Amino acid sequence: MIQWQKSTYSGGAAGNECVELAYAEGELLLRESDSPARILPLAPTSLAALLQCVQAGGRVRR
């Protein structure tokens, strides 16, 4: 079973969706709590780039 972790900044109330991370079978996994079935495997460098962008106040293009 995958152990998902979410930020302590995320509240527990309804409507407080957040990004969750896990490490399973040698890879990092990312998902949104409002769409838990959609799981994205990613490289550590990709996660670092995402975090730097978020911390800098940038937007991620879809």
PDB file of N, CA and C in Angstrom:
ATOM      1  N   MET A   1       0.837  -1.179   0.000  1.00  0.00           N
ATOM      2  CA  MET A   1       0.000   0.000   0.000  1.00  0.00           C
ATOM      3  C   MET A   1       0.886   1.248   0.000  1.00  0.00           C
ATOM      4  N   ILE A   2       0.558   2.203  -0.841  1.00  0.00           N
ATOM      5  CA  ILE A   2       1.326   3.436  -0.950  1.00  0.00           C
ATOM      6  C   ILE A   2       0.930   4.380   0.182  1.00  0.00           C
ATOM      7  N   GLN A   3       1.930   4.949   0.840  1.00  0.00           N
ATOM      8  CA  GLN A   3       1.702   5.909   1.906  1.00  0.00           C
ATOM      9  C   GLN A   3       1.848   7.324   1.343  1.00  0.00           C
ATOM     10  N   TRP A   4       0.729   7.984   1.117  1.00  0.00           N
ATOM     11  CA  TRP A   4       0.728   9.334   0.575  1.00  0.00           C
ATOM     12  C   TRP A   4       0.942  10.343   1.689  1.00  0.00           C
ATOM     13  N   GLN A   5       1.670  11.408   1.374  1.00  0.00           N
ATOM     14  CA  GLN A   5       1.917  12.486   2.324  1.00  0.00           C
ATOM     15  C   GLN A   5       1.454  13.795   1.706  1.00  0.00           C
ATOM     16  N   LYS A   6       0.792  14.612   2.514  1.00  0.00           N
ATOM     17  CA  LYS A   6       0.433  15.936   2.032  1.00  0.00           C
ATOM     18  C   LYS A   6       0.973  16.973   2.988  1.00  0.00           C
ATOM     19  N   SER A   7       1.033  18.166   2.518  1.00  0.00           N
ATOM     20  CA  SER A   7       1.602  19.262   3.280  1.00  0.00           C
ATOM     21  C   SER A   7       0.853  19.490   4.585  1.00  0.00           C
ATOM     22  N   THR A   8       1.584  19.868   5.603  1.00  0.00           N
ATOM     23  CA  THR A   8       0.952  20.234   6.865  1.00  0.00           C
ATOM     24  C   THR A   8       0.224  21.567   6.728  1.00  0.00           C
ATOM     25  N   TYR A   9       0.470  22.294   5.653  1.00  0.00           N
ATOM     26  CA  TYR A   9      -0.224  23.552   5.398  1.00  0.00           C
ATOM     27  C   TYR A   9      -1.638  23.313   4.871  1.00  0.00           C
ATOM     28  N   SER A  10      -1.914  22.090   4.429  1.00  0.00           N
ATOM     29  CA  SER A  10      -3.226  21.761   3.897  1.00  0.00           C
ATOM     30  C   SER A  10      -4.186  21.490   5.043  1.00  0.00           C
ATOM     31  N   GLY A  11      -5.310  22.168   5.043  1.00  0.00           N
ATOM     32  CA  GLY A  11      -6.313  21.951   6.087  1.00  0.00           C
ATOM     33  C   GLY A  11      -7.099  20.675   5.833  1.00  0.00           C
ATOM     34  N   GLY A  12      -7.811  20.207   6.802  1.00  0.00           N
ATOM     35  CA  GLY A  12      -8.578  18.983   6.670  1.00  0.00           C
ATOM     36  C   GLY A  12     -10.016  19.193   6.245  1.00  0.00           C
ATOM     37  N   ALA A  13     -10.431  20.435   6.060  1.00  0.00           N
ATOM     38  CA  ALA A  13     -11.819  20.717   5.716  1.00  0.00           C
ATOM     39  C   ALA A  13     -12.107  20.401   4.250  1.00  0.00           C
ATOM     40  N   ALA A  14     -13.379  20.223   3.946  1.00  0.00           N
ATOM     41  CA  ALA A  14     -13.794  19.974   2.566  1.00  0.00           C
ATOM     42  C   ALA A  14     -13.370  21.147   1.688  1.00  0.00           C
ATOM     43  N   GLY A  15     -12.959  20.838   0.467  1.00  0.00           N
ATOM     44  CA  GLY A  15     -12.523  21.877  -0.451  1.00  0.00           C
ATOM     45  C   GLY A  15     -11.061  22.247  -0.329  1.00  0.00           C
ATOM     46  N   ASN A  16     -10.336  21.612   0.581  1.00  0.00           N
ATOM     47  CA  ASN A  16      -8.909  21.889   0.751  1.00  0.00           C
ATOM     48  C   ASN A  16      -8.087  20.836   0.018  1.00  0.00           C
ATOM     49  N   GLU A  17      -8.187  20.843  -1.309  1.00  0.00           N
ATOM     50  CA  GLU A  17      -7.416  19.899  -2.102  1.00  0.00           C
ATOM     51  C   GLU A  17      -5.951  20.311  -2.096  1.00  0.00           C
ATOM     52  N   CYS A  18      -5.091  19.339  -2.249  1.00  0.00           N
ATOM     53  CA  CYS A  18      -3.669  19.644  -2.262  1.00  0.00           C
ATOM     54  C   CYS A  18      -2.928  18.590  -3.075  1.00  0.00           C
ATOM     55  N   VAL A  19      -1.666  18.822  -3.255  1.00  0.00           N
ATOM     56  CA  VAL A  19      -0.794  17.866  -3.920  1.00  0.00           C
ATOM     57  C   VAL A  19      -0.251  16.908  -2.868  1.00  0.00           C
ATOM     58  N   GLU A  20      -0.236  15.632  -3.208  1.00  0.00           N
ATOM     59  CA  GLU A  20       0.280  14.613  -2.302  1.00  0.00           C
ATOM     60  C   GLU A  20       1.459  13.905  -2.966  1.00  0.00           C
ATOM     61  N   LEU A  21       2.443  13.523  -2.161  1.00  0.00           N
ATOM     62  CA  LEU A  21       3.637  12.840  -2.642  1.00  0.00           C
ATOM     63  C   LEU A  21       3.774  11.489  -1.976  1.00  0.00           C
ATOM     64  N   ALA A  22       4.402  10.577  -2.695  1.00  0.00           N
ATOM     65  CA  ALA A  22       4.713   9.260  -2.140  1.00  0.00           C
ATOM     66  C   ALA A  22       5.996   8.755  -2.788  1.00  0.00           C
ATOM     67  N   TYR A  23       6.611   7.807  -2.131  1.00  0.00           N
ATOM     68  CA  TYR A  23       7.785   7.121  -2.686  1.00  0.00           C
ATOM     69  C   TYR A  23       7.474   5.634  -2.632  1.00  0.00           C
ATOM     70  N   ALA A  24       7.432   5.005  -3.794  1.00  0.00           N
ATOM     71  CA  ALA A  24       7.088   3.585  -3.850  1.00  0.00           C
ATOM     72  C   ALA A  24       7.870   2.906  -4.959  1.00  0.00           C
ATOM     73  N   GLU A  25       8.395   1.760  -4.637  1.00  0.00           N
ATOM     74  CA  GLU A  25       9.123   0.938  -5.613  1.00  0.00           C
ATOM     75  C   GLU A  25      10.175   1.733  -6.376  1.00  0.00           C
ATOM     76  N   GLY A  26      10.898   2.576  -5.664  1.00  0.00           N
ATOM     77  CA  GLY A  26      12.023   3.290  -6.243  1.00  0.00           C
ATOM     78  C   GLY A  26      11.692   4.526  -7.053  1.00  0.00           C
ATOM     79  N   GLU A  27      10.444   4.995  -7.015  1.00  0.00           N
ATOM     80  CA  GLU A  27      10.124   6.208  -7.758  1.00  0.00           C
ATOM     81  C   GLU A  27       9.224   7.133  -6.948  1.00  0.00           C
ATOM     82  N   LEU A  28       9.327   8.420  -7.268  1.00  0.00           N
ATOM     83  CA  LEU A  28       8.474   9.426  -6.648  1.00  0.00           C
ATOM     84  C   LEU A  28       7.137   9.465  -7.378  1.00  0.00           C
ATOM     85  N   LEU A  29       6.065   9.659  -6.624  1.00  0.00           N
ATOM     86  CA  LEU A  29       4.731   9.722  -7.202  1.00  0.00           C
ATOM     87  C   LEU A  29       4.057  11.001  -6.734  1.00  0.00           C
ATOM     88  N   LEU A  30       3.274  11.589  -7.610  1.00  0.00           N
ATOM     89  CA  LEU A  30       2.587  12.847  -7.328  1.00  0.00           C
ATOM     90  C   LEU A  30       1.131  12.690  -7.738  1.00  0.00           C
ATOM     91  N   ARG A  31       0.211  13.226  -6.922  1.00  0.00           N
ATOM     92  CA  ARG A  31      -1.206  13.224  -7.281  1.00  0.00           C
ATOM     93  C   ARG A  31      -1.886  14.414  -6.614  1.00  0.00           C
ATOM     94  N   GLU A  32      -3.065  14.752  -7.116  1.00  0.00           N
ATOM     95  CA  GLU A  32      -3.893  15.776  -6.487  1.00  0.00           C
ATOM     96  C   GLU A  32      -4.916  15.050  -5.633  1.00  0.00           C
ATOM     97  N   SER A  33      -5.171  15.560  -4.445  1.00  0.00           N
ATOM     98  CA  SER A  33      -6.083  14.874  -3.547  1.00  0.00           C
ATOM     99  C   SER A  33      -7.512  14.820  -4.083  1.00  0.00           C
ATOM    100  N   ASP A  34      -7.882  15.759  -4.967  1.00  0.00           N
ATOM    101  CA  ASP A  34      -9.230  15.719  -5.534  1.00  0.00           C
ATOM    102  C   ASP A  34      -9.330  14.787  -6.735  1.00  0.00           C
ATOM    103  N   SER A  35      -8.202  14.237  -7.221  1.00  0.00           N
ATOM    104  CA  SER A  35      -8.177  13.254  -8.308  1.00  0.00           C
ATOM    105  C   SER A  35      -7.179  12.148  -7.959  1.00  0.00           C
ATOM    106  N   PRO A  36      -7.433  11.380  -6.904  1.00  0.00           N
ATOM    107  CA  PRO A  36      -6.427  10.438  -6.408  1.00  0.00           C
ATOM    108  C   PRO A  36      -6.088   9.285  -7.352  1.00  0.00           C
ATOM    109  N   ALA A  37      -6.929   9.012  -8.326  1.00  0.00           N
ATOM    110  CA  ALA A  37      -6.634   7.917  -9.245  1.00  0.00           C
ATOM    111  C   ALA A  37      -5.608   8.304 -10.308  1.00  0.00           C
ATOM    112  N   ARG A  38      -5.407   9.601 -10.511  1.00  0.00           N
ATOM    113  CA  ARG A  38      -4.436  10.083 -11.504  1.00  0.00           C
ATOM    114  C   ARG A  38      -3.104  10.283 -10.805  1.00  0.00           C
ATOM    115  N   ILE A  39      -2.189   9.375 -11.042  1.00  0.00           N
ATOM    116  CA  ILE A  39      -0.879   9.379 -10.379  1.00  0.00           C
ATOM    117  C   ILE A  39       0.201   9.638 -11.424  1.00  0.00           C
ATOM    118  N   LEU A  40       1.095  10.563 -11.107  1.00  0.00           N
ATOM    119  CA  LEU A  40       2.173  10.945 -12.011  1.00  0.00           C
ATOM    120  C   LEU A  40       3.515  10.538 -11.417  1.00  0.00           C
ATOM    121  N   PRO A  41       4.225   9.604 -12.059  1.00  0.00           N
ATOM    122  CA  PRO A  41       5.589   9.313 -11.602  1.00  0.00           C
ATOM    123  C   PRO A  41       6.507  10.438 -12.082  1.00  0.00           C
ATOM    124  N   LEU A  42       7.470  10.825 -11.248  1.00  0.00           N
ATOM    125  CA  LEU A  42       8.354  11.901 -11.664  1.00  0.00           C
ATOM    126  C   LEU A  42       9.754  11.716 -11.109  1.00  0.00           C
ATOM    127  N   ALA A  43      10.690  12.344 -11.794  1.00  0.00           N
ATOM    128  CA  ALA A  43      12.090  12.296 -11.388  1.00  0.00           C
ATOM    129  C   ALA A  43      12.327  13.308 -10.273  1.00  0.00           C
ATOM    130  N   PRO A  44      13.290  13.055  -9.396  1.00  0.00           N
ATOM    131  CA  PRO A  44      13.600  14.010  -8.334  1.00  0.00           C
ATOM    132  C   PRO A  44      13.915  15.411  -8.868  1.00  0.00           C
ATOM    133  N   THR A  45      14.566  15.504 -10.005  1.00  0.00           N
ATOM    134  CA  THR A  45      14.882  16.818 -10.578  1.00  0.00           C
ATOM    135  C   THR A  45      13.616  17.555 -11.016  1.00  0.00           C
ATOM    136  N   SER A  46      12.626  16.823 -11.493  1.00  0.00           N
ATOM    137  CA  SER A  46      11.354  17.437 -11.884  1.00  0.00           C
ATOM    138  C   SER A  46      10.612  17.960 -10.665  1.00  0.00           C
ATOM    139  N   LEU A  47      10.631  17.208  -9.588  1.00  0.00           N
ATOM    140  CA  LEU A  47       9.996  17.660  -8.358  1.00  0.00           C
ATOM    141  C   LEU A  47      10.700  18.912  -7.828  1.00  0.00           C
ATOM    142  N   ALA A  48      12.017  18.922  -7.859  1.00  0.00           N
ATOM    143  CA  ALA A  48      12.773  20.085  -7.398  1.00  0.00           C
ATOM    144  C   ALA A  48      12.424  21.323  -8.225  1.00  0.00           C
ATOM    145  N   ALA A  49      12.307  21.164  -9.540  1.00  0.00           N
ATOM    146  CA  ALA A  49      11.961  22.292 -10.411  1.00  0.00           C
ATOM    147  C   ALA A  49      10.553  22.788 -10.117  1.00  0.00           C
ATOM    148  N   LEU A  50       9.608  21.877  -9.887  1.00  0.00           N
ATOM    149  CA  LEU A  50       8.246  22.272  -9.540  1.00  0.00           C
ATOM    150  C   LEU A  50       8.212  23.054  -8.231  1.00  0.00           C
ATOM    151  N   LEU A  51       8.909  22.574  -7.226  1.00  0.00           N
ATOM    152  CA  LEU A  51       8.936  23.242  -5.930  1.00  0.00           C
ATOM    153  C   LEU A  51       9.576  24.624  -6.028  1.00  0.00           C
ATOM    154  N   GLN A  52      10.647  24.744  -6.803  1.00  0.00           N
ATOM    155  CA  GLN A  52      11.285  26.048  -6.979  1.00  0.00           C
ATOM    156  C   GLN A  52      10.342  27.027  -7.661  1.00  0.00           C
ATOM    157  N   CYS A  53       9.594  26.557  -8.643  1.00  0.00           N
ATOM    158  CA  CYS A  53       8.649  27.412  -9.362  1.00  0.00           C
ATOM    159  C   CYS A  53       7.544  27.882  -8.420  1.00  0.00           C
ATOM    160  N   VAL A  54       7.005  26.975  -7.625  1.00  0.00           N
ATOM    161  CA  VAL A  54       5.932  27.319  -6.692  1.00  0.00           C
ATOM    162  C   VAL A  54       6.448  28.311  -5.643  1.00  0.00           C
ATOM    163  N   GLN A  55       7.627  28.061  -5.114  1.00  0.00           N
ATOM    164  CA  GLN A  55       8.178  28.950  -4.097  1.00  0.00           C
ATOM    165  C   GLN A  55       8.455  30.340  -4.654  1.00  0.00           C
ATOM    166  N   ALA A  56       8.754  30.428  -5.933  1.00  0.00           N
ATOM    167  CA  ALA A  56       9.028  31.711  -6.560  1.00  0.00           C
ATOM    168  C   ALA A  56       7.743  32.421  -6.990  1.00  0.00           C
ATOM    169  N   GLY A  57       6.598  31.762  -6.766  1.00  0.00           N
ATOM    170  CA  GLY A  57       5.329  32.377  -7.123  1.00  0.00           C
ATOM    171  C   GLY A  57       4.971  32.217  -8.582  1.00  0.00           C
ATOM    172  N   GLY A  58       5.653  31.315  -9.268  1.00  0.00           N
ATOM    173  CA  GLY A  58       5.406  31.104 -10.699  1.00  0.00           C
ATOM    174  C   GLY A  58       4.168  30.285 -10.949  1.00  0.00           C
ATOM    175  N   ARG A  59       3.802  30.229 -12.200  1.00  0.00           N
ATOM    176  CA  ARG A  59       2.655  29.434 -12.610  1.00  0.00           C
ATOM    177  C   ARG A  59       3.161  28.254 -13.427  1.00  0.00           C
ATOM    178  N   VAL A  60       2.493  27.139 -13.272  1.00  0.00           N
ATOM    179  CA  VAL A  60       2.810  25.936 -14.033  1.00  0.00           C
ATOM    180  C   VAL A  60       1.821  25.877 -15.188  1.00  0.00           C
ATOM    181  N   ARG A  61       2.328  25.771 -16.395  1.00  0.00           N
ATOM    182  CA  ARG A  61       1.460  25.703 -17.574  1.00  0.00           C
ATOM    183  C   ARG A  61       0.916  24.306 -17.733  1.00  0.00           C
ATOM    184  N   ARG A  62      -0.323  24.224 -18.178  1.00  0.00           N
ATOM    185  CA  ARG A  62      -0.956  22.924 -18.446  1.00  0.00           C
ATOM    186  C   ARG A  62      -1.010  22.676 -19.914  1.00  0.00           C
TER     187      ARG A  62
END
